[in-house]
């Protein structure tokens, strides 16, 4: 699980840092660049964790899975649920701090 946590931290760090770094010069292609960034993060880091890079991408479906009465469903794996919440929080903070240190903010 430590490698999964590191994967989430790196993915969110890259997402936040790149968006802040390139966000000073808005263009019409900005949303496309962000979409391609998310796809590239998913292609490079998505294997181990499914690249949550946002707690809502994991926590919402996990809660729905827990609440919905689905026949023969498995456990919602709450012991793992902290990784897609804590990892993106740490990665986002680190990405923002580095962007601020590099005077992108």
N, C-alpha and C. Protein backbone atom coordinates (compact mmCIF):
# COMPACT_ATOMS: atom_id res chain seq x y z
N UNK A 1 0.82 -1.21 0.00
CA UNK A 1 0.00 0.00 0.00
C UNK A 1 0.85 1.26 0.00
N UNK A 2 2.10 1.19 0.43
CA UNK A 2 2.93 2.39 0.40
C UNK A 2 3.22 2.80 -1.04
N UNK A 3 3.40 1.83 -1.93
CA UNK A 3 3.63 2.19 -3.34
C UNK A 3 2.37 2.79 -3.96
N UNK A 4 1.20 2.34 -3.54
CA UNK A 4 -0.04 2.94 -4.03
C UNK A 4 -0.18 4.37 -3.54
N UNK A 5 0.18 4.62 -2.29
CA UNK A 5 0.12 5.98 -1.75
C UNK A 5 1.07 6.89 -2.51
N UNK A 6 2.27 6.42 -2.78
CA UNK A 6 3.25 7.22 -3.53
C UNK A 6 2.76 7.49 -4.94
N UNK A 7 2.14 6.50 -5.56
CA UNK A 7 1.59 6.68 -6.91
C UNK A 7 0.53 7.77 -6.91
N UNK A 8 -0.36 7.77 -5.93
CA UNK A 8 -1.40 8.81 -5.85
C UNK A 8 -0.79 10.18 -5.59
N UNK A 9 0.23 10.24 -4.75
CA UNK A 9 0.89 11.52 -4.47
C UNK A 9 1.52 12.07 -5.74
N UNK A 10 2.25 11.24 -6.47
CA UNK A 10 2.92 11.68 -7.69
C UNK A 10 1.91 12.13 -8.74
N UNK A 11 0.87 11.34 -8.95
CA UNK A 11 -0.13 11.69 -9.96
C UNK A 11 -0.80 13.02 -9.68
N UNK A 12 -1.20 13.25 -8.44
CA UNK A 12 -1.87 14.51 -8.10
C UNK A 12 -0.88 15.66 -8.10
N UNK A 13 0.35 15.41 -7.67
CA UNK A 13 1.38 16.44 -7.71
C UNK A 13 1.57 16.95 -9.13
N UNK A 14 1.73 16.02 -10.06
CA UNK A 14 1.93 16.40 -11.47
C UNK A 14 0.72 17.17 -11.99
N UNK A 15 -0.47 16.68 -11.70
CA UNK A 15 -1.69 17.35 -12.17
C UNK A 15 -1.77 18.78 -11.67
N UNK A 16 -1.61 18.97 -10.36
CA UNK A 16 -1.74 20.31 -9.78
C UNK A 16 -0.62 21.22 -10.26
N UNK A 17 0.61 20.74 -10.25
CA UNK A 17 1.73 21.57 -10.64
C UNK A 17 1.62 22.03 -12.09
N UNK A 18 1.31 21.12 -12.99
CA UNK A 18 1.23 21.48 -14.41
C UNK A 18 0.07 22.44 -14.67
N UNK A 19 -1.06 22.22 -14.03
CA UNK A 19 -2.19 23.13 -14.23
C UNK A 19 -1.85 24.53 -13.73
N UNK A 20 -1.20 24.62 -12.57
CA UNK A 20 -0.82 25.94 -12.05
C UNK A 20 0.25 26.57 -12.93
N UNK A 21 1.25 25.78 -13.35
CA UNK A 21 2.35 26.32 -14.14
C UNK A 21 1.89 26.85 -15.49
N UNK A 22 0.97 26.15 -16.13
CA UNK A 22 0.52 26.59 -17.45
C UNK A 22 -0.76 27.40 -17.39
N UNK A 23 -1.30 27.59 -16.22
CA UNK A 23 -2.56 28.31 -16.07
C UNK A 23 -2.45 29.81 -16.20
N UNK A 24 -1.24 30.34 -16.17
CA UNK A 24 -1.07 31.79 -16.27
C UNK A 24 -1.38 32.31 -17.67
N UNK A 25 -1.22 31.47 -18.66
CA UNK A 25 -1.49 31.89 -20.03
C UNK A 25 -2.69 31.12 -20.56
N UNK A 26 -3.90 31.60 -20.28
CA UNK A 26 -5.09 30.87 -20.72
C UNK A 26 -5.22 30.88 -22.25
N UNK A 27 -5.58 29.75 -22.78
CA UNK A 27 -5.81 29.61 -24.21
C UNK A 27 -7.10 28.84 -24.42
N UNK A 28 -7.53 28.80 -25.66
CA UNK A 28 -8.73 28.03 -25.99
C UNK A 28 -8.47 26.53 -25.87
N UNK A 29 -7.21 26.14 -25.94
CA UNK A 29 -6.86 24.73 -25.87
C UNK A 29 -6.58 24.26 -24.45
N UNK A 30 -6.77 25.12 -23.47
CA UNK A 30 -6.51 24.76 -22.08
C UNK A 30 -7.24 23.52 -21.61
N UNK A 31 -8.55 23.42 -21.84
CA UNK A 31 -9.25 22.20 -21.41
C UNK A 31 -8.74 20.93 -22.10
N UNK A 32 -8.35 21.05 -23.35
CA UNK A 32 -7.80 19.89 -24.05
C UNK A 32 -6.46 19.48 -23.44
N UNK A 33 -5.65 20.47 -23.09
CA UNK A 33 -4.36 20.17 -22.46
C UNK A 33 -4.55 19.46 -21.12
N UNK A 34 -5.53 19.91 -20.34
CA UNK A 34 -5.80 19.25 -19.06
C UNK A 34 -6.31 17.83 -19.28
N UNK A 35 -7.17 17.65 -20.26
CA UNK A 35 -7.67 16.30 -20.56
C UNK A 35 -6.53 15.38 -20.98
N UNK A 36 -5.64 15.86 -21.82
CA UNK A 36 -4.50 15.05 -22.24
C UNK A 36 -3.56 14.77 -21.07
N UNK A 37 -3.44 15.73 -20.16
CA UNK A 37 -2.63 15.53 -18.97
C UNK A 37 -3.21 14.41 -18.10
N UNK A 38 -4.52 14.42 -17.91
CA UNK A 38 -5.17 13.37 -17.11
C UNK A 38 -5.01 12.01 -17.79
N UNK A 39 -5.15 11.97 -19.10
CA UNK A 39 -4.97 10.71 -19.83
C UNK A 39 -3.53 10.21 -19.69
N UNK A 40 -2.56 11.12 -19.78
CA UNK A 40 -1.16 10.69 -19.67
C UNK A 40 -0.84 10.23 -18.25
N UNK A 41 -1.42 10.88 -17.23
CA UNK A 41 -1.24 10.40 -15.86
C UNK A 41 -1.84 9.01 -15.72
N UNK A 42 -3.01 8.82 -16.29
CA UNK A 42 -3.65 7.51 -16.22
C UNK A 42 -2.86 6.43 -16.93
N UNK A 43 -2.29 6.78 -18.08
CA UNK A 43 -1.51 5.79 -18.84
C UNK A 43 -0.21 5.43 -18.13
N UNK A 44 0.38 6.40 -17.46
CA UNK A 44 1.68 6.13 -16.83
C UNK A 44 1.57 5.64 -15.40
N UNK A 45 0.57 6.10 -14.65
CA UNK A 45 0.47 5.74 -13.23
C UNK A 45 -0.82 5.02 -12.86
N UNK A 46 -1.67 4.77 -13.81
CA UNK A 46 -2.99 4.22 -13.50
C UNK A 46 -3.03 2.75 -13.15
N UNK A 47 -1.99 2.02 -13.45
CA UNK A 47 -2.00 0.58 -13.20
C UNK A 47 -2.18 0.18 -11.75
N UNK A 48 -1.35 0.68 -10.85
CA UNK A 48 -1.46 0.22 -9.46
C UNK A 48 -2.74 0.64 -8.74
N UNK A 49 -3.21 1.84 -8.98
CA UNK A 49 -4.32 2.36 -8.16
C UNK A 49 -5.56 2.76 -8.93
N UNK A 50 -5.48 2.85 -10.23
CA UNK A 50 -6.62 3.36 -10.98
C UNK A 50 -6.63 4.87 -11.01
N UNK A 51 -5.56 5.49 -10.58
CA UNK A 51 -5.30 6.93 -10.52
C UNK A 51 -6.51 7.75 -10.10
N UNK A 52 -6.79 7.74 -8.81
CA UNK A 52 -7.89 8.54 -8.30
C UNK A 52 -7.63 10.02 -8.56
N UNK A 53 -6.44 10.52 -8.24
CA UNK A 53 -6.00 11.91 -8.35
C UNK A 53 -7.05 12.92 -7.90
N UNK A 54 -8.11 12.45 -7.32
CA UNK A 54 -9.17 13.28 -6.75
C UNK A 54 -9.97 12.35 -5.84
N UNK A 55 -10.08 12.67 -4.57
CA UNK A 55 -10.79 11.76 -3.66
C UNK A 55 -12.22 11.44 -4.10
N UNK A 56 -12.87 12.34 -4.78
CA UNK A 56 -14.26 12.10 -5.20
C UNK A 56 -14.35 10.97 -6.23
N UNK A 57 -13.29 10.74 -6.98
CA UNK A 57 -13.32 9.66 -7.97
C UNK A 57 -13.35 8.29 -7.33
N UNK A 58 -12.89 8.18 -6.10
CA UNK A 58 -12.90 6.89 -5.42
C UNK A 58 -13.95 6.84 -4.31
N UNK A 59 -14.06 7.88 -3.54
CA UNK A 59 -14.91 7.86 -2.36
C UNK A 59 -16.39 7.78 -2.71
N UNK A 60 -16.84 8.54 -3.70
CA UNK A 60 -18.25 8.50 -4.10
C UNK A 60 -18.70 7.12 -4.56
N UNK A 61 -18.00 6.52 -5.52
CA UNK A 61 -18.38 5.17 -5.93
C UNK A 61 -18.26 4.13 -4.81
N UNK A 62 -17.29 4.31 -3.93
CA UNK A 62 -17.13 3.37 -2.81
C UNK A 62 -18.33 3.45 -1.86
N UNK A 63 -18.78 4.67 -1.58
CA UNK A 63 -19.96 4.84 -0.72
C UNK A 63 -21.20 4.27 -1.41
N UNK A 64 -21.34 4.53 -2.71
CA UNK A 64 -22.49 3.98 -3.44
C UNK A 64 -22.45 2.45 -3.42
N UNK A 65 -21.29 1.87 -3.60
CA UNK A 65 -21.16 0.41 -3.56
C UNK A 65 -21.54 -0.12 -2.18
N UNK A 66 -21.15 0.59 -1.14
CA UNK A 66 -21.46 0.17 0.22
C UNK A 66 -22.95 0.23 0.50
N UNK A 67 -23.63 1.27 -0.01
CA UNK A 67 -25.03 1.51 0.31
C UNK A 67 -25.98 0.67 -0.55
N UNK A 68 -25.67 0.52 -1.82
CA UNK A 68 -26.60 -0.15 -2.73
C UNK A 68 -26.68 -1.65 -2.45
N UNK A 69 -27.90 -2.18 -2.46
CA UNK A 69 -28.07 -3.62 -2.20
C UNK A 69 -27.87 -4.46 -3.46
N UNK A 70 -26.64 -4.70 -3.81
CA UNK A 70 -26.31 -5.47 -5.01
C UNK A 70 -26.11 -6.93 -4.60
N UNK A 71 -26.73 -7.83 -5.35
CA UNK A 71 -26.64 -9.25 -5.03
C UNK A 71 -25.21 -9.76 -5.25
N UNK A 72 -24.73 -10.55 -4.32
CA UNK A 72 -23.40 -11.18 -4.38
C UNK A 72 -22.25 -10.19 -4.50
N UNK A 73 -22.43 -8.98 -3.97
CA UNK A 73 -21.33 -8.02 -4.04
C UNK A 73 -20.30 -8.33 -2.97
N UNK A 74 -19.09 -7.88 -3.20
CA UNK A 74 -18.00 -8.09 -2.26
C UNK A 74 -17.90 -6.91 -1.30
N UNK A 75 -16.88 -6.96 -0.47
CA UNK A 75 -16.61 -5.91 0.50
C UNK A 75 -16.24 -4.61 -0.23
N UNK A 76 -16.54 -3.47 0.38
CA UNK A 76 -16.20 -2.18 -0.21
C UNK A 76 -14.75 -1.79 0.05
N UNK A 77 -14.00 -2.62 0.74
CA UNK A 77 -12.57 -2.44 0.99
C UNK A 77 -12.27 -1.11 1.67
N UNK A 78 -12.88 -0.89 2.80
CA UNK A 78 -12.68 0.36 3.54
C UNK A 78 -11.27 0.48 4.11
N UNK A 79 -10.57 -0.62 4.27
CA UNK A 79 -9.20 -0.54 4.80
C UNK A 79 -8.26 0.15 3.81
N UNK A 80 -8.61 0.16 2.54
CA UNK A 80 -7.80 0.81 1.51
C UNK A 80 -8.30 2.22 1.19
N UNK A 81 -9.46 2.58 1.64
CA UNK A 81 -10.11 3.82 1.19
C UNK A 81 -9.36 5.09 1.58
N UNK A 82 -8.47 5.03 2.53
CA UNK A 82 -7.75 6.23 2.93
C UNK A 82 -6.69 6.64 1.91
N UNK A 83 -6.19 5.71 1.12
CA UNK A 83 -5.13 6.02 0.17
C UNK A 83 -5.59 6.98 -0.92
N UNK A 84 -6.76 6.78 -1.57
CA UNK A 84 -7.19 7.75 -2.58
C UNK A 84 -7.67 9.08 -2.00
N UNK A 85 -7.71 9.20 -0.67
CA UNK A 85 -8.06 10.47 -0.05
C UNK A 85 -6.80 11.20 0.41
N UNK A 86 -5.93 10.50 1.12
CA UNK A 86 -4.73 11.12 1.68
C UNK A 86 -3.68 11.39 0.59
N UNK A 87 -3.49 10.46 -0.34
CA UNK A 87 -2.50 10.64 -1.39
C UNK A 87 -2.72 11.89 -2.23
N UNK A 88 -3.92 12.10 -2.78
CA UNK A 88 -4.16 13.32 -3.54
C UNK A 88 -4.06 14.60 -2.69
N UNK A 89 -4.41 14.52 -1.41
CA UNK A 89 -4.27 15.70 -0.56
C UNK A 89 -2.80 16.08 -0.41
N UNK A 90 -1.96 15.11 -0.14
CA UNK A 90 -0.53 15.38 -0.01
C UNK A 90 0.06 15.84 -1.34
N UNK A 91 -0.28 15.16 -2.43
CA UNK A 91 0.23 15.54 -3.75
C UNK A 91 -0.21 16.93 -4.17
N UNK A 92 -1.46 17.28 -3.89
CA UNK A 92 -1.95 18.61 -4.23
C UNK A 92 -1.24 19.70 -3.46
N UNK A 93 -1.02 19.45 -2.17
CA UNK A 93 -0.31 20.43 -1.34
C UNK A 93 1.12 20.60 -1.84
N UNK A 94 1.80 19.50 -2.10
CA UNK A 94 3.18 19.58 -2.58
C UNK A 94 3.26 20.25 -3.95
N UNK A 95 2.32 19.95 -4.84
CA UNK A 95 2.31 20.59 -6.15
C UNK A 95 2.08 22.09 -6.04
N UNK A 96 1.16 22.49 -5.17
CA UNK A 96 0.92 23.91 -4.96
C UNK A 96 2.10 24.62 -4.34
N UNK A 97 2.76 23.97 -3.38
CA UNK A 97 3.93 24.58 -2.74
C UNK A 97 5.08 24.74 -3.73
N UNK A 98 5.31 23.74 -4.56
CA UNK A 98 6.39 23.86 -5.55
C UNK A 98 6.06 24.93 -6.58
N UNK A 99 4.80 25.02 -6.99
CA UNK A 99 4.41 26.06 -7.94
C UNK A 99 4.59 27.44 -7.32
N UNK A 100 4.27 27.57 -6.04
CA UNK A 100 4.47 28.86 -5.36
C UNK A 100 5.96 29.17 -5.23
N UNK A 101 6.77 28.16 -4.92
CA UNK A 101 8.21 28.38 -4.80
C UNK A 101 8.84 28.75 -6.14
N UNK A 102 8.26 28.26 -7.22
CA UNK A 102 8.77 28.57 -8.56
C UNK A 102 8.14 29.84 -9.13
N UNK A 103 7.38 30.55 -8.32
CA UNK A 103 6.73 31.82 -8.70
C UNK A 103 5.74 31.66 -9.84
N UNK A 104 5.07 30.52 -9.92
CA UNK A 104 4.00 30.34 -10.89
C UNK A 104 2.68 30.88 -10.37
N UNK A 105 2.59 31.07 -9.07
CA UNK A 105 1.34 31.54 -8.47
C UNK A 105 1.40 33.04 -8.34
